[in-house]
């Protein structure tokens, strides 16, 4: 897909090792919150980073666990929603609060392995990356979910990929690295996080995918049912199709130099 000049205007990704903000949405993750923060900090040791945990109005001791974790991880910031607003809103809350130009997201349930973060970042920030590469998304290998969940996920992914042609085989993987500026150009809606590849490409950015690991859930329980996940995916799919259809490109954008309004005599 050819980059859209409108979306790439003034977009200059910083290669190398810029500061990184890790955004982790959490809801009722008391049992694993502290351990996950420690794993993220260990994975990014030696880098300039912050961790932004966004508590989406948990009903358990998630916030207390995060406060305890902050005593040994000063890079941790804790944001708290006053009402449950969902994973996509929690991600957006964290991105808006982030200070780093590069964002990493991963799920708060611990099933994404923080040890994969350096590899995903390296792929995004490599010196020979395409000029308009804005996001690298993980694709889980050897998934350890229940068979019913894997089946529902494969079905939803196959339908989405066929309709949107976004090149993604696993948009449900929470581990992603992207430029904050690119993300903030996307339209927001609930469940946005499942359509980031399609929406990035709608804006003219390039997206690449890398294999990552997957772990069993050790604490808490899933926030979605298979039927509920599939119903939401199919409903939102129509909205993203509409957004793609309504996108228009100006073909080129040129900034006129000062004094261009005057003819030379």
Protein backbone atom coordinates (compact mmCIF):
# COMPACT_ATOMS: atom_id res chain seq x y z
CA UNK A 1 0.00 0.00 0.00
CA UNK A 2 1.42 3.39 -0.99
CA UNK A 3 1.84 5.77 1.97
CA UNK A 4 -0.65 8.61 2.18
CA UNK A 5 1.18 11.97 1.99
CA UNK A 6 -1.42 13.49 4.29
CA UNK A 7 -0.73 11.08 7.12
CA UNK A 8 3.05 11.11 6.74
CA UNK A 9 3.40 14.87 6.63
CA UNK A 10 5.84 15.92 9.38
CA UNK A 11 6.07 12.32 10.66
CA UNK A 12 9.73 11.66 11.44
CA UNK A 13 10.27 8.49 13.49
CA UNK A 14 13.31 8.47 15.73
CA UNK A 15 15.50 5.44 15.08
CA UNK A 16 18.00 4.07 17.54
CA UNK A 17 17.16 3.99 21.26
CA UNK A 18 14.64 6.71 22.15
CA UNK A 19 12.81 6.69 25.49
CA UNK A 20 10.12 4.00 25.64
CA UNK A 21 6.76 4.09 27.42
CA UNK A 22 5.26 0.68 28.21
CA UNK A 23 1.48 0.86 28.56
CA UNK A 24 -0.24 -1.97 30.44
CA UNK A 25 -4.05 -1.98 30.81
CA UNK A 26 -5.16 -3.86 33.91
CA UNK A 27 -8.50 -4.96 35.34
CA UNK A 28 -8.65 -7.30 38.34
CA UNK A 29 -5.03 -8.48 38.02
CA UNK A 30 -4.07 -8.36 41.71
CA UNK A 31 -2.35 -11.73 41.62
CA UNK A 32 0.09 -10.95 38.82
CA UNK A 33 0.44 -7.16 38.64
CA UNK A 34 3.60 -6.86 40.72
CA UNK A 35 5.40 -9.74 39.01
CA UNK A 36 4.55 -8.37 35.56
CA UNK A 37 5.96 -4.94 36.41
CA UNK A 38 9.19 -6.57 37.63
CA UNK A 39 9.46 -8.62 34.41
CA UNK A 40 8.99 -5.54 32.22
CA UNK A 41 11.62 -3.61 34.17
CA UNK A 42 14.06 -6.52 33.84
CA UNK A 43 13.43 -6.79 30.08
CA UNK A 44 14.22 -3.09 29.59
CA UNK A 45 17.16 -2.87 31.99
CA UNK A 46 19.72 -0.40 30.67
CA UNK A 47 17.20 1.57 28.60
CA UNK A 48 15.43 4.86 29.30
CA UNK A 49 11.84 3.74 29.96
CA UNK A 50 8.68 4.23 31.97
CA UNK A 51 5.88 1.79 32.72
CA UNK A 52 2.34 3.15 32.75
CA UNK A 53 -0.11 0.75 34.39
CA UNK A 54 -3.70 1.82 33.73
CA UNK A 55 -6.11 0.33 36.25
CA UNK A 56 -9.51 0.10 34.59
CA UNK A 57 -11.55 0.36 37.79
CA UNK A 58 -10.51 -2.97 39.27
CA UNK A 59 -12.66 -4.53 41.98
CA UNK A 60 -9.78 -6.31 43.71
CA UNK A 61 -6.40 -5.27 45.08
CA UNK A 62 -4.74 -4.45 41.74
CA UNK A 63 -3.96 -0.85 42.72
CA UNK A 64 -2.48 -1.92 46.06
CA UNK A 65 -0.29 -4.46 44.26
CA UNK A 66 0.89 -1.78 41.83
CA UNK A 67 1.69 0.63 44.65
CA UNK A 68 3.78 -2.05 46.29
CA UNK A 69 5.57 -2.71 43.00
CA UNK A 70 6.38 0.97 42.63
CA UNK A 71 8.56 0.84 45.74
CA UNK A 72 11.09 -1.28 43.85
CA UNK A 73 10.37 0.13 40.37
CA UNK A 74 10.47 3.96 40.36
CA UNK A 75 9.80 3.97 36.60
CA UNK A 76 6.24 2.80 37.30
CA UNK A 77 3.37 5.27 36.95
CA UNK A 78 -0.13 4.28 38.00
CA UNK A 79 -3.24 5.71 36.36
CA UNK A 80 -6.73 4.78 37.52
CA UNK A 81 -10.07 5.00 35.74
CA UNK A 82 -13.05 6.10 37.81
CA UNK A 83 -15.31 3.74 35.84
CA UNK A 84 -14.62 0.62 33.82
CA UNK A 85 -14.08 1.76 30.22
CA UNK A 86 -12.48 -1.24 28.54
CA UNK A 87 -9.08 -2.21 27.23
CA UNK A 88 -8.94 0.18 24.28
CA UNK A 89 -9.73 3.19 26.45
CA UNK A 90 -7.12 2.08 28.98
CA UNK A 91 -4.51 1.83 26.22
CA UNK A 92 -5.44 5.28 24.94
CA UNK A 93 -5.29 6.72 28.46
CA UNK A 94 -1.77 5.37 28.82
CA UNK A 95 -0.63 6.60 25.41
CA UNK A 96 -1.96 10.10 26.08
CA UNK A 97 -0.06 10.20 29.38
CA UNK A 98 3.15 8.74 27.93
CA UNK A 99 6.31 10.84 27.71
CA UNK A 100 8.21 8.58 25.31
CA UNK A 101 7.89 8.81 21.50
CA UNK A 102 7.81 5.00 21.29
CA UNK A 103 5.01 2.99 22.91
CA UNK A 104 4.96 -0.68 23.81
CA UNK A 105 1.68 -2.27 24.84
CA UNK A 106 1.07 -5.66 26.38
CA UNK A 107 -1.84 -7.27 28.17
CA UNK A 108 -2.02 -7.01 31.94
CA UNK A 109 -2.83 -10.70 32.45
CA UNK A 110 0.78 -11.80 32.01
CA UNK A 111 0.18 -13.97 28.94
CA UNK A 112 2.40 -11.74 26.79
CA UNK A 113 6.03 -12.43 27.72
CA UNK A 114 7.94 -9.20 28.55
CA UNK A 115 11.12 -10.95 27.40
CA UNK A 116 9.82 -10.41 23.83
CA UNK A 117 9.77 -6.61 24.22
CA UNK A 118 13.42 -5.96 23.22
CA UNK A 119 13.01 -7.95 20.00
CA UNK A 120 9.83 -6.15 18.98
CA UNK A 121 11.46 -2.79 19.71
CA UNK A 122 14.59 -3.71 17.77
CA UNK A 123 12.47 -4.55 14.73
CA UNK A 124 10.69 -1.19 14.85
CA UNK A 125 13.81 0.89 15.52
CA UNK A 126 16.29 -0.86 13.23
CA UNK A 127 18.36 1.46 11.04
CA UNK A 128 17.15 -0.11 7.78
CA UNK A 129 13.45 -0.05 8.66
CA UNK A 130 11.12 1.31 5.96
CA UNK A 131 10.79 5.09 6.25
CA UNK A 132 7.09 4.90 7.06
CA UNK A 133 7.12 1.90 9.40
CA UNK A 134 4.98 2.97 12.36
CA UNK A 135 4.10 -0.26 14.15
CA UNK A 136 5.44 -3.76 14.75
CA UNK A 137 2.85 -6.19 16.09
CA UNK A 138 3.46 -9.52 17.76
CA UNK A 139 1.86 -12.71 16.47
CA UNK A 140 1.58 -15.45 19.06
CA UNK A 141 3.14 -18.83 18.35
CA UNK A 142 2.16 -22.01 20.22
CA UNK A 143 -0.84 -20.40 21.90
CA UNK A 144 -1.70 -21.93 25.24
CA UNK A 145 -5.37 -20.87 25.42
CA UNK A 146 -8.24 -23.36 25.56
CA UNK A 147 -9.13 -25.00 22.23
CA UNK A 148 -12.49 -23.20 22.10
CA UNK A 149 -10.83 -19.81 22.49
CA UNK A 150 -8.26 -20.59 19.79
CA UNK A 151 -11.02 -21.67 17.42
CA UNK A 152 -13.07 -18.52 18.00
CA UNK A 153 -9.95 -16.39 17.54
CA UNK A 154 -8.99 -18.11 14.27
CA UNK A 155 -12.49 -17.59 12.90
CA UNK A 156 -12.60 -13.90 13.84
CA UNK A 157 -9.10 -13.30 12.49
CA UNK A 158 -9.87 -15.05 9.20
CA UNK A 159 -13.02 -12.96 8.64
CA UNK A 160 -11.27 -9.72 9.57
CA UNK A 161 -8.25 -10.44 7.39
CA UNK A 162 -10.45 -11.33 4.41
CA UNK A 163 -12.57 -8.19 4.72
CA UNK A 164 -9.91 -5.63 5.73
CA UNK A 165 -6.83 -7.09 3.99
CA UNK A 166 -4.70 -5.83 6.87
CA UNK A 167 -2.04 -8.55 6.63
CA UNK A 168 -2.52 -9.56 10.29
CA UNK A 169 -3.08 -13.12 11.46
CA UNK A 170 -3.39 -12.35 15.18
CA UNK A 171 -4.70 -8.90 16.08
CA UNK A 172 -5.64 -10.20 19.52
CA UNK A 173 -1.98 -10.21 20.59
CA UNK A 174 -1.51 -7.31 23.00
CA UNK A 175 2.24 -7.00 22.46
CA UNK A 176 2.86 -4.18 20.01
CA UNK A 177 5.41 -1.40 19.54
CA UNK A 178 4.50 1.80 17.70
CA UNK A 179 5.19 5.49 17.48
CA UNK A 180 2.99 7.57 19.77
CA UNK A 181 2.49 10.23 17.11
CA UNK A 182 1.14 7.70 14.63
CA UNK A 183 -1.28 6.18 17.15
CA UNK A 184 -2.73 9.56 18.07
CA UNK A 185 -3.72 10.15 14.43
CA UNK A 186 -6.10 7.17 14.52
CA UNK A 187 -9.85 7.53 15.15
CA UNK A 188 -10.81 6.23 18.59
CA UNK A 189 -13.59 3.72 19.30
CA UNK A 190 -14.11 0.86 21.73
CA UNK A 191 -12.11 -2.27 20.73
CA UNK A 192 -9.76 -0.10 18.68
CA UNK A 193 -6.85 -2.26 19.86
CA UNK A 194 -8.01 -5.16 17.69
CA UNK A 195 -7.90 -3.10 14.50
CA UNK A 196 -4.63 -1.21 14.82
CA UNK A 197 -2.97 -2.76 11.72
CA UNK A 198 -5.90 -1.83 9.46
CA UNK A 199 -6.17 1.69 10.91
CA UNK A 200 -2.43 2.33 10.70
CA UNK A 201 -2.48 1.33 7.06
CA UNK A 202 -5.56 3.49 6.46
CA UNK A 203 -3.43 6.46 7.51
CA UNK A 204 -0.67 5.42 5.10
CA UNK A 205 1.73 3.91 7.64
CA UNK A 206 3.48 0.58 7.24
CA UNK A 207 2.99 -2.29 9.70
CA UNK A 208 5.18 -5.35 10.19
CA UNK A 209 4.69 -8.52 12.23
CA UNK A 210 7.06 -10.66 14.29
CA UNK A 211 6.50 -13.97 16.10
CA UNK A 212 6.32 -13.79 19.90
CA UNK A 213 5.70 -16.24 22.70
CA UNK A 214 2.56 -16.89 24.70
CA UNK A 215 2.06 -18.00 28.28
CA UNK A 216 -0.76 -19.54 30.23
CA UNK A 217 -2.77 -17.26 32.47
CA UNK A 218 -1.52 -17.75 36.02
CA UNK A 219 -3.90 -15.39 37.83
CA UNK A 220 -7.42 -14.03 37.42
CA UNK A 221 -9.70 -14.93 34.56
CA UNK A 222 -10.46 -13.78 31.03
CA UNK A 223 -12.59 -10.62 30.70
CA UNK A 224 -14.29 -11.93 27.54
CA UNK A 225 -16.41 -14.92 26.56
CA UNK A 226 -15.84 -16.57 23.17
CA UNK A 227 -19.31 -15.59 21.95
CA UNK A 228 -19.00 -12.05 23.28
CA UNK A 229 -15.59 -11.62 21.67
CA UNK A 230 -16.85 -12.86 18.30
CA UNK A 231 -20.00 -10.70 18.45
CA UNK A 232 -18.00 -7.56 19.21
CA UNK A 233 -15.46 -8.37 16.50
CA UNK A 234 -18.11 -8.75 13.80
CA UNK A 235 -19.95 -5.59 14.87
CA UNK A 236 -16.81 -3.48 14.95
CA UNK A 237 -15.69 -4.89 11.62
CA UNK A 238 -18.46 -3.02 9.82
CA UNK A 239 -17.34 0.23 11.45
CA UNK A 240 -13.75 -0.22 10.31
CA UNK A 241 -14.91 -1.07 6.78
CA UNK A 242 -16.85 2.22 6.80
CA UNK A 243 -13.79 4.14 8.05
CA UNK A 244 -11.64 2.68 5.28
CA UNK A 245 -14.25 3.51 2.66
CA UNK A 246 -14.45 7.13 3.86
CA UNK A 247 -10.70 7.73 3.75
CA UNK A 248 -9.55 10.18 1.07
CA UNK A 249 -6.01 11.15 0.12
CA UNK A 250 -4.96 14.60 -1.14
CA UNK A 251 -2.34 12.84 -3.33
CA UNK A 252 0.33 15.41 -2.45
CA UNK A 253 0.89 18.10 0.15
CA UNK A 254 3.21 21.01 -0.56
CA UNK A 255 4.16 23.79 1.81
CA UNK A 256 4.65 27.05 -0.05
CA UNK A 257 7.76 29.00 0.86
CA UNK A 258 7.39 32.48 2.40
CA UNK A 259 7.21 35.10 -0.32
CA UNK A 260 5.72 32.70 -2.87
CA UNK A 261 2.69 34.97 -3.19
CA UNK A 262 4.77 37.69 -4.84
CA UNK A 263 5.88 37.63 -8.44
CA UNK A 264 9.45 38.57 -9.19
CA UNK A 265 9.61 41.79 -11.23
